[in-house]
């Protein structure tokens, strides 16, 4: 009986404050703000969408970024950043995904390294990025950025179901 009670207490402590957290699911989650630059975006795009009724449509100018901001978030609360991306009509496009804290940018990850087949395509693909890969030395972040690092504009892409995952 004592072992059973101990197990419940430990599991309860670990799960508290560390459940999955949406950044975007049909709208930006509470506390998240749009700090994007050099791109047009529509957070109410009806199609294509992966889940729910809307997605984020982003049309990048050269060096632009979709940037979603929140007050201080501890990196250690989550293990992965998950989202779905649809490349529209773009071919050979790649984005950098990175975290920011207090104007410090952490490891910029090449998105295609985290997609099946190594490419953004004209159908939704899931990105599953380990938080440890961002090498966030502050152990906190305030922004997630999806940046066009190609120096040229791109057609519209779509992001959906952006989620911080606990396990």
Foldseek 3Di string as FASTA:
>chain_A
DVVVVVVVVVVVVLPPPQAKDWCAALAGDPQKDWPWPQKDKDSNDQPDADDDRGWIKIWHFFFTKGKIFGPKDFLLSFFKKKKKKAQAPDFPFWWWKWFADPNDTFDTDIQLVQWVVSTHYRDITMGIGTSVVRVPVVSITTMIMTTRNPRGIGGMMIMHRTMGHHD
